[in-house]
Amino acid sequence: MKTEYEYKDIPLVKNEEKRRFEIAIEGRYAFTNYGEFGNQIALVHTETDPEISGQGAASALIEKTLRYLEEKQIELLPFCPFVFAYIRRHPEWKRIVSKKFKGYDKL
């Protein structure tokens, strides 16, 4: 399994046409679909190509996406179960979740 360090040089792409954040690893993608609502972004579904699944790509993608949102001062709505679980494992990211998000108290 790769570590976050091994993914550090892989750029995050905000693919506005497909409405997803993505990273490409050897031609394979990990992505999370989003919806934009003013100064909020809802992450709704995360998927990883089976060829790179189980190697930490989805976690690296979410970490990069959360950093991007924080840098842009965008509030997060973590509807995707993977993203929600990631924030529960990394509670420091709760700081960017909208306090109006229904599951906020469960993070």
C-alpha atoms as a PDB file:
ATOM      1  CA  MET A   1       0.000   0.000   0.000  1.00  0.00           C
ATOM      2  CA  LYS A   2       1.304   3.407  -0.930  1.00  0.00           C
ATOM      3  CA  THR A   3       1.598   6.099   1.698  1.00  0.00           C
ATOM      4  CA  GLU A   4       0.340   9.667   1.511  1.00  0.00           C
ATOM      5  CA  TYR A   5       3.975  10.671   0.962  1.00  0.00           C
ATOM      6  CA  GLU A   6       4.097   8.562  -2.199  1.00  0.00           C
ATOM      7  CA  TYR A   7       1.067  10.442  -3.553  1.00  0.00           C
ATOM      8  CA  LYS A   8       2.358  13.906  -2.621  1.00  0.00           C
ATOM      9  CA  ASP A   9       3.555  14.779  -6.140  1.00  0.00           C
ATOM     10  CA  ILE A  10       0.348  13.658  -7.849  1.00  0.00           C
ATOM     11  CA  PRO A  11      -1.675  16.783  -8.602  1.00  0.00           C
ATOM     12  CA  LEU A  12      -5.320  17.207  -7.693  1.00  0.00           C
ATOM     13  CA  VAL A  13      -7.463  18.208 -10.660  1.00  0.00           C
ATOM     14  CA  LYS A  14     -10.811  19.952 -10.329  1.00  0.00           C
ATOM     15  CA  ASN A  15     -12.491  18.572 -13.441  1.00  0.00           C
ATOM     16  CA  GLU A  16     -15.346  21.033 -13.845  1.00  0.00           C
ATOM     17  CA  GLU A  17     -16.710  19.313 -16.964  1.00  0.00           C
ATOM     18  CA  LYS A  18     -17.203  16.023 -15.090  1.00  0.00           C
ATOM     19  CA  ARG A  19     -17.907  17.825 -11.771  1.00  0.00           C
ATOM     20  CA  ARG A  20     -15.321  15.866  -9.858  1.00  0.00           C
ATOM     21  CA  PHE A  21     -11.986  16.185  -8.113  1.00  0.00           C
ATOM     22  CA  GLU A  22      -9.559  13.582  -9.392  1.00  0.00           C
ATOM     23  CA  ILE A  23      -6.052  12.227  -9.260  1.00  0.00           C
ATOM     24  CA  ALA A  24      -4.491  10.062 -11.949  1.00  0.00           C
ATOM     25  CA  ILE A  25      -2.085   7.263 -11.101  1.00  0.00           C
ATOM     26  CA  GLU A  26      -0.483   5.509 -14.048  1.00  0.00           C
ATOM     27  CA  GLY A  27      -3.536   6.304 -16.189  1.00  0.00           C
ATOM     28  CA  ARG A  28      -6.012   5.127 -13.525  1.00  0.00           C
ATOM     29  CA  TYR A  29      -8.297   7.508 -11.670  1.00  0.00           C
ATOM     30  CA  ALA A  30      -9.574   8.044  -8.172  1.00  0.00           C
ATOM     31  CA  PHE A  31     -12.286  10.691  -8.074  1.00  0.00           C
ATOM     32  CA  THR A  32     -14.955  12.258  -5.921  1.00  0.00           C
ATOM     33  CA  ASN A  33     -18.030  13.839  -7.502  1.00  0.00           C
ATOM     34  CA  TYR A  34     -19.129  17.222  -6.209  1.00  0.00           C
ATOM     35  CA  GLY A  35     -21.895  19.781  -6.361  1.00  0.00           C
ATOM     36  CA  GLU A  36     -21.269  23.486  -5.798  1.00  0.00           C
ATOM     37  CA  PHE A  37     -23.653  25.655  -3.821  1.00  0.00           C
ATOM     38  CA  GLY A  38     -22.295  29.167  -3.412  1.00  0.00           C
ATOM     39  CA  ASN A  39     -19.403  28.903  -0.964  1.00  0.00           C
ATOM     40  CA  GLN A  40     -20.105  25.242  -0.222  1.00  0.00           C
ATOM     41  CA  ILE A  41     -19.126  22.036  -1.982  1.00  0.00           C
ATOM     42  CA  ALA A  42     -20.936  18.766  -1.429  1.00  0.00           C
ATOM     43  CA  LEU A  43     -18.824  15.664  -1.983  1.00  0.00           C
ATOM     44  CA  VAL A  44     -21.343  13.002  -2.974  1.00  0.00           C
ATOM     45  CA  HIS A  45     -19.539   9.923  -4.313  1.00  0.00           C
ATOM     46  CA  THR A  46     -15.955   8.649  -4.307  1.00  0.00           C
ATOM     47  CA  GLU A  47     -14.672   5.963  -6.641  1.00  0.00           C
ATOM     48  CA  THR A  48     -11.313   4.366  -7.380  1.00  0.00           C
ATOM     49  CA  ASP A  49     -10.314   2.372 -10.433  1.00  0.00           C
ATOM     50  CA  PRO A  50     -10.118  -1.303  -9.371  1.00  0.00           C
ATOM     51  CA  GLU A  51      -6.485  -1.464 -10.541  1.00  0.00           C
ATOM     52  CA  ILE A  52      -5.442   1.032  -7.853  1.00  0.00           C
ATOM     53  CA  SER A  53      -8.059   0.208  -5.232  1.00  0.00           C
ATOM     54  CA  GLY A  54      -6.752  -0.657  -1.769  1.00  0.00           C
ATOM     55  CA  GLN A  55      -3.526   1.318  -2.238  1.00  0.00           C
ATOM     56  CA  GLY A  56      -4.538   4.492  -0.407  1.00  0.00           C
ATOM     57  CA  ALA A  57      -5.454   6.437  -3.546  1.00  0.00           C
ATOM     58  CA  ALA A  58      -8.946   7.389  -2.326  1.00  0.00           C
ATOM     59  CA  SER A  59      -7.588   8.605   1.012  1.00  0.00           C
ATOM     60  CA  ALA A  60      -4.898  10.639  -0.764  1.00  0.00           C
ATOM     61  CA  LEU A  61      -7.564  12.092  -3.055  1.00  0.00           C
ATOM     62  CA  ILE A  62      -9.768  13.123  -0.140  1.00  0.00           C
ATOM     63  CA  GLU A  63      -6.841  14.616   1.794  1.00  0.00           C
ATOM     64  CA  LYS A  64      -5.854  16.684  -1.255  1.00  0.00           C
ATOM     65  CA  THR A  65      -9.468  17.726  -1.842  1.00  0.00           C
ATOM     66  CA  LEU A  66      -9.930  18.831   1.767  1.00  0.00           C
ATOM     67  CA  ARG A  67      -6.722  20.863   1.594  1.00  0.00           C
ATOM     68  CA  TYR A  68      -7.983  22.502  -1.608  1.00  0.00           C
ATOM     69  CA  LEU A  69     -11.313  23.387   0.020  1.00  0.00           C
ATOM     70  CA  GLU A  70      -9.566  24.817   3.063  1.00  0.00           C
ATOM     71  CA  GLU A  71      -7.203  26.920   0.935  1.00  0.00           C
ATOM     72  CA  LYS A  72     -10.177  28.311  -1.013  1.00  0.00           C
ATOM     73  CA  GLN A  73     -12.178  28.824   2.220  1.00  0.00           C
ATOM     74  CA  ILE A  74     -15.012  26.631   0.935  1.00  0.00           C
ATOM     75  CA  GLU A  75     -17.303  24.850   3.403  1.00  0.00           C
ATOM     76  CA  LEU A  76     -17.715  21.108   2.993  1.00  0.00           C
ATOM     77  CA  LEU A  77     -20.902  19.058   2.928  1.00  0.00           C
ATOM     78  CA  PRO A  78     -19.618  15.449   3.248  1.00  0.00           C
ATOM     79  CA  PHE A  79     -22.552  13.428   1.849  1.00  0.00           C
ATOM     80  CA  CYS A  80     -20.260  10.706   0.477  1.00  0.00           C
ATOM     81  CA  PRO A  81     -19.965   7.899   3.072  1.00  0.00           C
ATOM     82  CA  PHE A  82     -16.238   7.505   2.359  1.00  0.00           C
ATOM     83  CA  VAL A  83     -15.589  11.222   2.925  1.00  0.00           C
ATOM     84  CA  PHE A  84     -17.751  11.218   6.064  1.00  0.00           C
ATOM     85  CA  ALA A  85     -15.811   8.225   7.442  1.00  0.00           C
ATOM     86  CA  TYR A  86     -12.491   9.856   6.485  1.00  0.00           C
ATOM     87  CA  ILE A  87     -13.376  12.947   8.525  1.00  0.00           C
ATOM     88  CA  ARG A  88     -14.404  10.776  11.472  1.00  0.00           C
ATOM     89  CA  ARG A  89     -10.941   9.155  11.317  1.00  0.00           C
ATOM     90  CA  HIS A  90      -9.286  12.579  10.896  1.00  0.00           C
ATOM     91  CA  PRO A  91     -11.372  14.894  13.113  1.00  0.00           C
ATOM     92  CA  GLU A  92      -9.061  17.829  12.464  1.00  0.00           C
ATOM     93  CA  TRP A  93     -10.915  18.212   9.139  1.00  0.00           C
ATOM     94  CA  LYS A  94     -14.229  18.843  10.878  1.00  0.00           C
ATOM     95  CA  ARG A  95     -13.124  22.481  10.923  1.00  0.00           C
ATOM     96  CA  ILE A  96     -14.104  22.894   7.244  1.00  0.00           C
ATOM     97  CA  VAL A  97     -17.461  21.083   7.472  1.00  0.00           C
ATOM     98  CA  SER A  98     -20.509  23.348   7.405  1.00  0.00           C
ATOM     99  CA  LYS A  99     -22.074  23.473  10.846  1.00  0.00           C
ATOM    100  CA  LYS A 100     -25.453  23.313   9.050  1.00  0.00           C
ATOM    101  CA  PHE A 101     -24.634  19.840   7.670  1.00  0.00           C
ATOM    102  CA  LYS A 102     -27.166  17.390   9.168  1.00  0.00           C
ATOM    103  CA  GLY A 103     -24.528  14.870  10.234  1.00  0.00           C
ATOM    104  CA  TYR A 104     -22.185  17.463  11.760  1.00  0.00           C
ATOM    105  CA  ASP A 105     -22.751  16.218  15.321  1.00  0.00           C
ATOM    106  CA  LYS A 106     -21.859  12.658  14.281  1.00  0.00           C
ATOM    107  CA  LEU A 107     -18.425  13.630  13.016  1.00  0.00           C
END
